[in-house]
PDB file of N, CA and C in Angstrom:
ATOM      1  N   UNK A   1     105.266 118.089  81.489  1.00  0.00           N
ATOM      2  CA  UNK A   1     104.382 116.949  81.697  1.00  0.00           C
ATOM      3  C   UNK A   1     102.950 117.332  81.352  1.00  0.00           C
ATOM      4  N   UNK A   2     102.213 116.425  80.788  1.00  0.00           N
ATOM      5  CA  UNK A   2     100.837 116.666  80.372  1.00  0.00           C
ATOM      6  C   UNK A   2      99.903 116.749  81.571  1.00  0.00           C
ATOM      7  N   UNK A   3      98.823 117.486  81.372  1.00  0.00           N
ATOM      8  CA  UNK A   3      97.776 117.555  82.375  1.00  0.00           C
ATOM      9  C   UNK A   3      97.107 116.182  82.437  1.00  0.00           C
ATOM     10  N   UNK A   4      96.988 115.562  83.621  1.00  0.00           N
ATOM     11  CA  UNK A   4      96.369 114.228  83.718  1.00  0.00           C
ATOM     12  C   UNK A   4      94.957 114.174  83.142  1.00  0.00           C
ATOM     13  N   UNK A   5      94.234 115.291  83.147  1.00  0.00           N
ATOM     14  CA  UNK A   5      92.881 115.319  82.581  1.00  0.00           C
ATOM     15  C   UNK A   5      92.892 115.237  81.061  1.00  0.00           C
ATOM     16  N   UNK A   6      94.029 115.535  80.431  1.00  0.00           N
ATOM     17  CA  UNK A   6      94.135 115.509  78.979  1.00  0.00           C
ATOM     18  C   UNK A   6      94.633 114.170  78.444  1.00  0.00           C
ATOM     19  N   UNK A   7      94.983 113.260  79.323  1.00  0.00           N
ATOM     20  CA  UNK A   7      95.526 111.969  78.905  1.00  0.00           C
ATOM     21  C   UNK A   7      94.407 111.011  78.520  1.00  0.00           C
ATOM     22  N   UNK A   8      94.677 110.161  77.536  1.00  0.00           N
ATOM     23  CA  UNK A   8      93.724 109.111  77.163  1.00  0.00           C
ATOM     24  C   UNK A   8      93.760 108.020  78.231  1.00  0.00           C
ATOM     25  N   UNK A   9      92.754 107.161  78.257  1.00  0.00           N
ATOM     26  CA  UNK A   9      92.792 106.058  79.225  1.00  0.00           C
ATOM     27  C   UNK A   9      94.057 105.205  79.091  1.00  0.00           C
ATOM     28  N   UNK A  10      94.478 104.940  77.863  1.00  0.00           N
ATOM     29  CA  UNK A  10      95.683 104.137  77.656  1.00  0.00           C
ATOM     30  C   UNK A  10      96.930 104.863  78.153  1.00  0.00           C
ATOM     31  N   UNK A  11      96.991 106.170  77.940  1.00  0.00           N
ATOM     32  CA  UNK A  11      98.128 106.944  78.438  1.00  0.00           C
ATOM     33  C   UNK A  11      98.190 106.892  79.955  1.00  0.00           C
ATOM     34  N   UNK A  12      97.036 107.001  80.599  1.00  0.00           N
ATOM     35  CA  UNK A  12      96.992 106.933  82.058  1.00  0.00           C
ATOM     36  C   UNK A  12      97.413 105.557  82.563  1.00  0.00           C
ATOM     37  N   UNK A  13      96.975 104.526  81.887  1.00  0.00           N
ATOM     38  CA  UNK A  13      97.198 103.168  82.353  1.00  0.00           C
ATOM     39  C   UNK A  13      98.623 102.675  82.102  1.00  0.00           C
ATOM     40  N   UNK A  14      99.131 102.879  80.885  1.00  0.00           N
ATOM     41  CA  UNK A  14     100.440 102.278  80.536  1.00  0.00           C
ATOM     42  C   UNK A  14     101.351 103.213  79.755  1.00  0.00           C
ATOM     43  N   UNK A  15     101.007 104.495  79.700  1.00  0.00           N
ATOM     44  CA  UNK A  15     101.734 105.435  78.856  1.00  0.00           C
ATOM     45  C   UNK A  15     103.236 105.474  79.041  1.00  0.00           C
ATOM     46  N   UNK A  16     103.680 105.522  80.264  1.00  0.00           N
ATOM     47  CA  UNK A  16     105.124 105.586  80.493  1.00  0.00           C
ATOM     48  C   UNK A  16     105.779 104.224  80.355  1.00  0.00           C
ATOM     49  N   UNK A  17     105.025 103.171  80.548  1.00  0.00           N
ATOM     50  CA  UNK A  17     105.561 101.819  80.475  1.00  0.00           C
ATOM     51  C   UNK A  17     105.688 101.323  79.039  1.00  0.00           C
ATOM     52  N   UNK A  18     104.697 101.627  78.206  1.00  0.00           N
ATOM     53  CA  UNK A  18     104.671 101.141  76.819  1.00  0.00           C
ATOM     54  C   UNK A  18     104.175 102.246  75.892  1.00  0.00           C
ATOM     55  N   UNK A  19     104.973 103.295  75.704  1.00  0.00           N
ATOM     56  CA  UNK A  19     104.503 104.441  74.918  1.00  0.00           C
ATOM     57  C   UNK A  19     104.147 104.106  73.469  1.00  0.00           C
ATOM     58  N   UNK A  20     104.854 103.199  72.822  1.00  0.00           N
ATOM     59  CA  UNK A  20     104.537 102.869  71.432  1.00  0.00           C
ATOM     60  C   UNK A  20     103.191 102.164  71.327  1.00  0.00           C
ATOM     61  N   UNK A  21     102.924 101.241  72.247  1.00  0.00           N
ATOM     62  CA  UNK A  21     101.636 100.559  72.245  1.00  0.00           C
ATOM     63  C   UNK A  21     100.504 101.563  72.456  1.00  0.00           C
ATOM     64  N   UNK A  22     100.703 102.527  73.333  1.00  0.00           N
ATOM     65  CA  UNK A  22      99.703 103.570  73.569  1.00  0.00           C
ATOM     66  C   UNK A  22      99.511 104.405  72.311  1.00  0.00           C
ATOM     67  N   UNK A  23     100.589 104.767  71.653  1.00  0.00           N
ATOM     68  CA  UNK A  23     100.495 105.559  70.425  1.00  0.00           C
ATOM     69  C   UNK A  23      99.713 104.802  69.349  1.00  0.00           C
ATOM     70  N   UNK A  24      99.975 103.511  69.190  1.00  0.00           N
ATOM     71  CA  UNK A  24      99.231 102.708  68.218  1.00  0.00           C
ATOM     72  C   UNK A  24      97.756 102.591  68.620  1.00  0.00           C
ATOM     73  N   UNK A  25      97.508 102.385  69.889  1.00  0.00           N
ATOM     74  CA  UNK A  25      96.145 102.297  70.408  1.00  0.00           C
ATOM     75  C   UNK A  25      95.374 103.587  70.126  1.00  0.00           C
ATOM     76  N   UNK A  26      95.964 104.709  70.489  1.00  0.00           N
ATOM     77  CA  UNK A  26      95.273 105.993  70.375  1.00  0.00           C
ATOM     78  C   UNK A  26      95.203 106.508  68.941  1.00  0.00           C
ATOM     79  N   UNK A  27      96.316 106.432  68.213  1.00  0.00           N
ATOM     80  CA  UNK A  27      96.389 107.042  66.885  1.00  0.00           C
ATOM     81  C   UNK A  27      95.917 106.137  65.753  1.00  0.00           C
ATOM     82  N   UNK A  28      96.141 104.843  65.884  1.00  0.00           N
ATOM     83  CA  UNK A  28      95.745 103.936  64.810  1.00  0.00           C
ATOM     84  C   UNK A  28      94.377 103.308  65.117  1.00  0.00           C
ATOM     85  N   UNK A  29      94.272 102.625  66.255  1.00  0.00           N
ATOM     86  CA  UNK A  29      93.025 101.924  66.548  1.00  0.00           C
ATOM     87  C   UNK A  29      91.851 102.883  66.742  1.00  0.00           C
ATOM     88  N   UNK A  30      91.975 103.820  67.694  1.00  0.00           N
ATOM     89  CA  UNK A  30      90.818 104.665  68.006  1.00  0.00           C
ATOM     90  C   UNK A  30      90.687 105.889  67.099  1.00  0.00           C
ATOM     91  N   UNK A  31      91.771 106.455  66.642  1.00  0.00           N
ATOM     92  CA  UNK A  31      91.674 107.655  65.790  1.00  0.00           C
ATOM     93  C   UNK A  31      91.513 107.313  64.309  1.00  0.00           C
ATOM     94  N   UNK A  32      91.862 106.100  63.905  1.00  0.00           N
ATOM     95  CA  UNK A  32      91.742 105.723  62.495  1.00  0.00           C
ATOM     96  C   UNK A  32      90.697 104.616  62.313  1.00  0.00           C
ATOM     97  N   UNK A  33      90.983 103.424  62.804  1.00  0.00           N
ATOM     98  CA  UNK A  33      90.111 102.276  62.552  1.00  0.00           C
ATOM     99  C   UNK A  33      88.689 102.524  63.062  1.00  0.00           C
ATOM    100  N   UNK A  34      88.556 102.993  64.295  1.00  0.00           N
ATOM    101  CA  UNK A  34      87.214 103.223  64.849  1.00  0.00           C
ATOM    102  C   UNK A  34      86.470 104.347  64.130  1.00  0.00           C
ATOM    103  N   UNK A  35      87.175 105.210  63.433  1.00  0.00           N
ATOM    104  CA  UNK A  35      86.544 106.350  62.765  1.00  0.00           C
ATOM    105  C   UNK A  35      86.223 106.102  61.296  1.00  0.00           C
ATOM    106  N   UNK A  36      86.578 104.942  60.772  1.00  0.00           N
ATOM    107  CA  UNK A  36      86.282 104.646  59.379  1.00  0.00           C
ATOM    108  C   UNK A  36      84.773 104.605  59.164  1.00  0.00           C
ATOM    109  N   UNK A  37      84.318 105.057  58.031  1.00  0.00           N
ATOM    110  CA  UNK A  37      82.887 105.218  57.746  1.00  0.00           C
ATOM    111  C   UNK A  37      82.203 103.952  57.246  1.00  0.00           C
ATOM    112  N   UNK A  38      82.973 102.924  56.919  1.00  0.00           N
ATOM    113  CA  UNK A  38      82.384 101.708  56.353  1.00  0.00           C
ATOM    114  C   UNK A  38      81.485 100.962  57.343  1.00  0.00           C
ATOM    115  N   UNK A  39      81.758 101.129  58.634  1.00  0.00           N
ATOM    116  CA  UNK A  39      80.893 100.568  59.671  1.00  0.00           C
ATOM    117  C   UNK A  39      80.553 101.681  60.649  1.00  0.00           C
ATOM    118  N   UNK A  40      79.355 101.630  61.176  1.00  0.00           N
ATOM    119  CA  UNK A  40      78.962 102.626  62.178  1.00  0.00           C
ATOM    120  C   UNK A  40      79.650 102.323  63.513  1.00  0.00           C
ATOM    121  N   UNK A  41      79.746 103.311  64.391  1.00  0.00           N
ATOM    122  CA  UNK A  41      80.296 103.040  65.732  1.00  0.00           C
ATOM    123  C   UNK A  41      79.514 101.942  66.461  1.00  0.00           C
ATOM    124  N   UNK A  42      78.191 101.925  66.267  1.00  0.00           N
ATOM    125  CA  UNK A  42      77.366 100.882  66.900  1.00  0.00           C
ATOM    126  C   UNK A  42      77.773  99.492  66.410  1.00  0.00           C
ATOM    127  N   UNK A  43      77.944  99.365  65.088  1.00  0.00           N
ATOM    128  CA  UNK A  43      78.363  98.076  64.522  1.00  0.00           C
ATOM    129  C   UNK A  43      79.759  97.695  65.014  1.00  0.00           C
ATOM    130  N   UNK A  44      80.660  98.649  65.076  1.00  0.00           N
ATOM    131  CA  UNK A  44      82.017  98.361  65.566  1.00  0.00           C
ATOM    132  C   UNK A  44      81.978  97.904  67.020  1.00  0.00           C
ATOM    133  N   UNK A  45      81.134  98.533  67.819  1.00  0.00           N
ATOM    134  CA  UNK A  45      81.012  98.109  69.212  1.00  0.00           C
ATOM    135  C   UNK A  45      80.452  96.699  69.321  1.00  0.00           C
ATOM    136  N   UNK A  46      79.449  96.390  68.525  1.00  0.00           N
ATOM    137  CA  UNK A  46      78.865  95.050  68.534  1.00  0.00           C
ATOM    138  C   UNK A  46      79.916  93.998  68.164  1.00  0.00           C
ATOM    139  N   UNK A  47      80.692  94.288  67.139  1.00  0.00           N
ATOM    140  CA  UNK A  47      81.757  93.370  66.714  1.00  0.00           C
ATOM    141  C   UNK A  47      82.824  93.239  67.798  1.00  0.00           C
ATOM    142  N   UNK A  48      83.224  94.359  68.368  1.00  0.00           N
ATOM    143  CA  UNK A  48      84.286  94.345  69.375  1.00  0.00           C
ATOM    144  C   UNK A  48      83.861  93.581  70.619  1.00  0.00           C
ATOM    145  N   UNK A  49      82.670  93.884  71.126  1.00  0.00           N
ATOM    146  CA  UNK A  49      82.176  93.184  72.316  1.00  0.00           C
ATOM    147  C   UNK A  49      82.072  91.685  72.034  1.00  0.00           C
ATOM    148  N   UNK A  50      81.554  91.325  70.891  1.00  0.00           N
ATOM    149  CA  UNK A  50      81.432  89.911  70.531  1.00  0.00           C
ATOM    150  C   UNK A  50      82.790  89.231  70.468  1.00  0.00           C
ATOM    151  N   UNK A  51      83.750  89.904  69.871  1.00  0.00           N
ATOM    152  CA  UNK A  51      85.099  89.337  69.761  1.00  0.00           C
ATOM    153  C   UNK A  51      85.751  89.166  71.128  1.00  0.00           C
ATOM    154  N   UNK A  52      85.577  90.156  71.987  1.00  0.00           N
ATOM    155  CA  UNK A  52      86.150  90.063  73.334  1.00  0.00           C
ATOM    156  C   UNK A  52      85.515  88.914  74.114  1.00  0.00           C
ATOM    157  N   UNK A  53      84.209  88.767  74.000  1.00  0.00           N
ATOM    158  CA  UNK A  53      83.528  87.663  74.692  1.00  0.00           C
ATOM    159  C   UNK A  53      84.011  86.326  74.141  1.00  0.00           C
ATOM    160  N   UNK A  54      84.039  86.202  72.824  1.00  0.00           N
ATOM    161  CA  UNK A  54      84.459  84.947  72.198  1.00  0.00           C
ATOM    162  C   UNK A  54      85.897  84.580  72.560  1.00  0.00           C
ATOM    163  N   UNK A  55      86.729  85.593  72.738  1.00  0.00           N
ATOM    164  CA  UNK A  55      88.119  85.337  73.099  1.00  0.00           C
ATOM    165  C   UNK A  55      88.354  85.191  74.593  1.00  0.00           C
ATOM    166  N   UNK A  56      87.304  85.411  75.380  1.00  0.00           N
ATOM    167  CA  UNK A  56      87.455  85.309  76.823  1.00  0.00           C
ATOM    168  C   UNK A  56      88.222  86.467  77.437  1.00  0.00           C
ATOM    169  N   UNK A  57      88.220  87.603  76.761  1.00  0.00           N
ATOM    170  CA  UNK A  57      88.991  88.775  77.207  1.00  0.00           C
ATOM    171  C   UNK A  57      88.139  89.700  78.075  1.00  0.00           C
ATOM    172  N   UNK A  58      87.767  89.225  79.240  1.00  0.00           N
ATOM    173  CA  UNK A  58      86.856  89.977  80.099  1.00  0.00           C
ATOM    174  C   UNK A  58      87.482  91.239  80.675  1.00  0.00           C
ATOM    175  N   UNK A  59      88.788  91.306  80.741  1.00  0.00           N
ATOM    176  CA  UNK A  59      89.446  92.494  81.299  1.00  0.00           C
ATOM    177  C   UNK A  59      89.125  93.751  80.497  1.00  0.00           C
ATOM    178  N   UNK A  60      88.890  93.623  79.212  1.00  0.00           N
ATOM    179  CA  UNK A  60      88.587  94.761  78.347  1.00  0.00           C
ATOM    180  C   UNK A  60      87.093  95.047  78.225  1.00  0.00           C
ATOM    181  N   UNK A  61      86.266  94.155  78.751  1.00  0.00           N
ATOM    182  CA  UNK A  61      84.825  94.284  78.526  1.00  0.00           C
ATOM    183  C   UNK A  61      84.200  95.501  79.200  1.00  0.00           C
ATOM    184  N   UNK A  62      84.628  95.853  80.384  1.00  0.00           N
ATOM    185  CA  UNK A  62      84.026  96.999  81.063  1.00  0.00           C
ATOM    186  C   UNK A  62      84.092  98.249  80.213  1.00  0.00           C
ATOM    187  N   UNK A  63      85.276  98.546  79.707  1.00  0.00           N
ATOM    188  CA  UNK A  63      85.452  99.713  78.840  1.00  0.00           C
ATOM    189  C   UNK A  63      84.562  99.601  77.603  1.00  0.00           C
ATOM    190  N   UNK A  64      84.567  98.431  76.972  1.00  0.00           N
ATOM    191  CA  UNK A  64      83.846  98.294  75.707  1.00  0.00           C
ATOM    192  C   UNK A  64      82.332  98.167  75.884  1.00  0.00           C
ATOM    193  N   UNK A  65      81.856  97.666  77.019  1.00  0.00           N
ATOM    194  CA  UNK A  65      80.416  97.719  77.286  1.00  0.00           C
ATOM    195  C   UNK A  65      79.982  99.177  77.400  1.00  0.00           C
ATOM    196  N   UNK A  66      80.748  99.978  78.109  1.00  0.00           N
ATOM    197  CA  UNK A  66      80.419 101.404  78.231  1.00  0.00           C
ATOM    198  C   UNK A  66      80.460 102.100  76.881  1.00  0.00           C
ATOM    199  N   UNK A  67      81.488 101.812  76.094  1.00  0.00           N
ATOM    200  CA  UNK A  67      81.603 102.411  74.758  1.00  0.00           C
ATOM    201  C   UNK A  67      80.431 101.974  73.886  1.00  0.00           C
ATOM    202  N   UNK A  68      80.024 100.715  73.995  1.00  0.00           N
ATOM    203  CA  UNK A  68      78.897 100.204  73.218  1.00  0.00           C
ATOM    204  C   UNK A  68      77.614 100.954  73.567  1.00  0.00           C
ATOM    205  N   UNK A  69      77.430 101.241  74.842  1.00  0.00           N
ATOM    206  CA  UNK A  69      76.233 101.990  75.251  1.00  0.00           C
ATOM    207  C   UNK A  69      76.274 103.410  74.697  1.00  0.00           C
ATOM    208  N   UNK A  70      77.430 104.046  74.742  1.00  0.00           N
ATOM    209  CA  UNK A  70      77.581 105.380  74.153  1.00  0.00           C
ATOM    210  C   UNK A  70      77.284 105.317  72.651  1.00  0.00           C
ATOM    211  N   UNK A  71      77.653 104.204  72.020  1.00  0.00           N
ATOM    212  CA  UNK A  71      77.462 104.040  70.577  1.00  0.00           C
ATOM    213  C   UNK A  71      76.075 103.505  70.215  1.00  0.00           C
ATOM    214  N   UNK A  72      75.165 103.439  71.180  1.00  0.00           N
ATOM    215  CA  UNK A  72      73.779 103.138  70.863  1.00  0.00           C
ATOM    216  C   UNK A  72      73.254 101.765  71.216  1.00  0.00           C
ATOM    217  N   UNK A  73      74.083 100.886  71.744  1.00  0.00           N
ATOM    218  CA  UNK A  73      73.576  99.580  72.160  1.00  0.00           C
ATOM    219  C   UNK A  73      72.973  99.690  73.558  1.00  0.00           C
ATOM    220  N   UNK A  74      71.883  98.992  73.780  1.00  0.00           N
ATOM    221  CA  UNK A  74      71.232  99.007  75.081  1.00  0.00           C
ATOM    222  C   UNK A  74      71.774  97.868  75.955  1.00  0.00           C
ATOM    223  N   UNK A  75      71.508  97.967  77.248  1.00  0.00           N
ATOM    224  CA  UNK A  75      71.891  96.879  78.153  1.00  0.00           C
ATOM    225  C   UNK A  75      71.214  95.581  77.723  1.00  0.00           C
ATOM    226  N   UNK A  76      69.957  95.662  77.332  1.00  0.00           N
ATOM    227  CA  UNK A  76      69.218  94.475  76.903  1.00  0.00           C
ATOM    228  C   UNK A  76      69.869  93.832  75.674  1.00  0.00           C
ATOM    229  N   UNK A  77      70.307  94.659  74.741  1.00  0.00           N
ATOM    230  CA  UNK A  77      70.974  94.123  73.549  1.00  0.00           C
ATOM    231  C   UNK A  77      72.313  93.482  73.922  1.00  0.00           C
ATOM    232  N   UNK A  78      73.046  94.094  74.813  1.00  0.00           N
ATOM    233  CA  UNK A  78      74.336  93.527  75.219  1.00  0.00           C
ATOM    234  C   UNK A  78      74.146  92.204  75.957  1.00  0.00           C
ATOM    235  N   UNK A  79      73.125  92.124  76.787  1.00  0.00           N
ATOM    236  CA  UNK A  79      72.816  90.859  77.464  1.00  0.00           C
ATOM    237  C   UNK A  79      72.429  89.797  76.438  1.00  0.00           C
ATOM    238  N   UNK A  80      71.676  90.193  75.421  1.00  0.00           N
ATOM    239  CA  UNK A  80      71.291  89.251  74.368  1.00  0.00           C
ATOM    240  C   UNK A  80      72.504  88.774  73.569  1.00  0.00           C
ATOM    241  N   UNK A  81      73.464  89.659  73.324  1.00  0.00           N
ATOM    242  CA  UNK A  81      74.705  89.267  72.648  1.00  0.00           C
ATOM    243  C   UNK A  81      75.403  88.172  73.457  1.00  0.00           C
ATOM    244  N   UNK A  82      75.506  88.387  74.749  1.00  0.00           N
ATOM    245  CA  UNK A  82      76.163  87.404  75.615  1.00  0.00           C
ATOM    246  C   UNK A  82      75.407  86.081  75.588  1.00  0.00           C
ATOM    247  N   UNK A  83      74.084  86.142  75.693  1.00  0.00           N
ATOM    248  CA  UNK A  83      73.268  84.933  75.679  1.00  0.00           C
ATOM    249  C   UNK A  83      73.453  84.176  74.368  1.00  0.00           C
ATOM    250  N   UNK A  84      73.423  84.887  73.264  1.00  0.00           N
ATOM    251  CA  UNK A  84      73.602  84.271  71.951  1.00  0.00           C
ATOM    252  C   UNK A  84      74.982  83.626  71.833  1.00  0.00           C
ATOM    253  N   UNK A  85      76.001  84.335  72.293  1.00  0.00           N
ATOM    254  CA  UNK A  85      77.372  83.827  72.173  1.00  0.00           C
ATOM    255  C   UNK A  85      77.653  82.636  73.087  1.00  0.00           C
ATOM    256  N   UNK A  86      76.823  82.432  74.091  1.00  0.00           N
ATOM    257  CA  UNK A  86      77.026  81.264  74.955  1.00  0.00           C
ATOM    258  C   UNK A  86      77.065  79.974  74.142  1.00  0.00           C
ATOM    259  N   UNK A  87      76.273  79.942  73.074  1.00  0.00           N
ATOM    260  CA  UNK A  87      76.191  78.735  72.258  1.00  0.00           C
ATOM    261  C   UNK A  87      77.265  78.663  71.173  1.00  0.00           C
ATOM    262  N   UNK A  88      77.900  79.763  70.863  1.00  0.00           N
ATOM    263  CA  UNK A  88      78.916  79.792  69.816  1.00  0.00           C
ATOM    264  C   UNK A  88      80.326  79.950  70.372  1.00  0.00           C
ATOM    265  N   UNK A  89      80.467  80.715  71.442  1.00  0.00           N
ATOM    266  CA  UNK A  89      81.791  80.986  72.008  1.00  0.00           C
ATOM    267  C   UNK A  89      82.086  80.112  73.217  1.00  0.00           C
ATOM    268  N   UNK A  90      81.032  79.612  73.848  1.00  0.00           N
ATOM    269  CA  UNK A  90      81.206  78.754  75.007  1.00  0.00           C
ATOM    270  C   UNK A  90      80.526  79.309  76.248  1.00  0.00           C
ATOM    271  N   UNK A  91      79.982  78.382  77.010  1.00  0.00           N
ATOM    272  CA  UNK A  91      79.243  78.753  78.208  1.00  0.00           C
ATOM    273  C   UNK A  91      80.114  79.486  79.226  1.00  0.00           C
ATOM    274  N   UNK A  92      81.312  79.000  79.547  1.00  0.00           N
ATOM    275  CA  UNK A  92      82.132  79.696  80.542  1.00  0.00           C
ATOM    276  C   UNK A  92      82.467  81.135  80.138  1.00  0.00           C
ATOM    277  N   UNK A  93      82.715  81.376  78.865  1.00  0.00           N
ATOM    278  CA  UNK A  93      83.016  82.735  78.405  1.00  0.00           C
ATOM    279  C   UNK A  93      81.791  83.633  78.559  1.00  0.00           C
ATOM    280  N   UNK A  94      80.632  83.108  78.244  1.00  0.00           N
ATOM    281  CA  UNK A  94      79.406  83.889  78.398  1.00  0.00           C
ATOM    282  C   UNK A  94      79.130  84.174  79.871  1.00  0.00           C
ATOM    283  N   UNK A  95      79.338  83.197  80.723  1.00  0.00           N
ATOM    284  CA  UNK A  95      79.101  83.409  82.152  1.00  0.00           C
ATOM    285  C   UNK A  95      80.077  84.444  82.716  1.00  0.00           C
ATOM    286  N   UNK A  96      81.313  84.427  82.261  1.00  0.00           N
ATOM    287  CA  UNK A  96      82.283  85.442  82.703  1.00  0.00           C
ATOM    288  C   UNK A  96      81.867  86.824  82.206  1.00  0.00           C
ATOM    289  N   UNK A  97      81.427  86.912  80.965  1.00  0.00           N
ATOM    290  CA  UNK A  97      81.007  88.196  80.392  1.00  0.00           C
ATOM    291  C   UNK A  97      79.756  88.733  81.086  1.00  0.00           C
ATOM    292  N   UNK A  98      78.804  87.865  81.400  1.00  0.00           N
ATOM    293  CA  UNK A  98      77.571  88.336  82.034  1.00  0.00           C
ATOM    294  C   UNK A  98      77.859  88.821  83.444  1.00  0.00           C
ATOM    295  N   UNK A  99      78.845  88.252  84.085  1.00  0.00           N
ATOM    296  CA  UNK A  99      79.246  88.710  85.415  1.00  0.00           C
ATOM    297  C   UNK A  99      79.796  90.132  85.339  1.00  0.00           C
ATOM    298  N   UNK A 100      80.625  90.404  84.338  1.00  0.00           N
ATOM    299  CA  UNK A 100      81.150  91.759  84.136  1.00  0.00           C
ATOM    300  C   UNK A 100      79.996  92.715  83.845  1.00  0.00           C
ATOM    301  N   UNK A 101      79.092  92.312  82.961  1.00  0.00           N
ATOM    302  CA  UNK A 101      77.962  93.166  82.597  1.00  0.00           C
ATOM    303  C   UNK A 101      77.080  93.454  83.805  1.00  0.00           C
ATOM    304  N   UNK A 102      76.780  92.441  84.591  1.00  0.00           N
ATOM    305  CA  UNK A 102      75.919  92.632  85.762  1.00  0.00           C
ATOM    306  C   UNK A 102      76.555  93.606  86.746  1.00  0.00           C
ATOM    307  N   UNK A 103      77.828  93.432  86.990  1.00  0.00           N
ATOM    308  CA  UNK A 103      78.527  94.327  87.913  1.00  0.00           C
ATOM    309  C   UNK A 103      78.522  95.764  87.386  1.00  0.00           C
ATOM    310  N   UNK A 104      78.837  95.930  86.128  1.00  0.00           N
ATOM    311  CA  UNK A 104      78.899  97.252  85.517  1.00  0.00           C
ATOM    312  C   UNK A 104      77.518  97.909  85.465  1.00  0.00           C
ATOM    313  N   UNK A 105      76.529  97.190  84.988  1.00  0.00           N
ATOM    314  CA  UNK A 105      75.196  97.753  84.831  1.00  0.00           C
ATOM    315  C   UNK A 105      74.542  98.019  86.185  1.00  0.00           C
ATOM    316  N   UNK A 106      74.824  97.205  87.185  1.00  0.00           N
ATOM    317  CA  UNK A 106      74.271  97.412  88.528  1.00  0.00           C
ATOM    318  C   UNK A 106      74.841  98.682  89.172  1.00  0.00           C
ATOM    319  N   UNK A 107      76.122  98.972  88.916  1.00  0.00           N
ATOM    320  CA  UNK A 107      76.773 100.164  89.458  1.00  0.00           C
ATOM    321  C   UNK A 107      76.128 101.431  88.909  1.00  0.00           C
ATOM    322  N   UNK A 108      75.610 101.359  87.700  1.00  0.00           N
ATOM    323  CA  UNK A 108      75.063 102.519  87.025  1.00  0.00           C
ATOM    324  C   UNK A 108      73.654 102.868  87.501  1.00  0.00           C
ATOM    325  N   UNK A 109      73.012 101.978  88.207  1.00  0.00           N
ATOM    326  CA  UNK A 109      71.616 102.217  88.628  1.00  0.00           C
ATOM    327  C   UNK A 109      71.544 102.813  90.006  1.00  0.00           C
TER     328      UNK A 109
END
């Protein structure tokens, strides 16, 4: 059995339940797509966060807000993304996203 400290977040969360999905997540999405040079990690984070907000996928936002910050986006920029998307993706989606952001960013202070 693997050392729990060596497992990816997806392996920890659903590894034994859905090993193929974890393998695709880790090996294709994060090890290949996210590493392509055509877009910077910052740009990929901006696109990903925007897509998650537009789709109303708040469950994934905590992870991706943190990843976006690691990739160079500031809290102010992420709040501005949410504000901007309120008019394009919908007010309820923006309000749900800002709630996640507020909770996450408040915990960090």
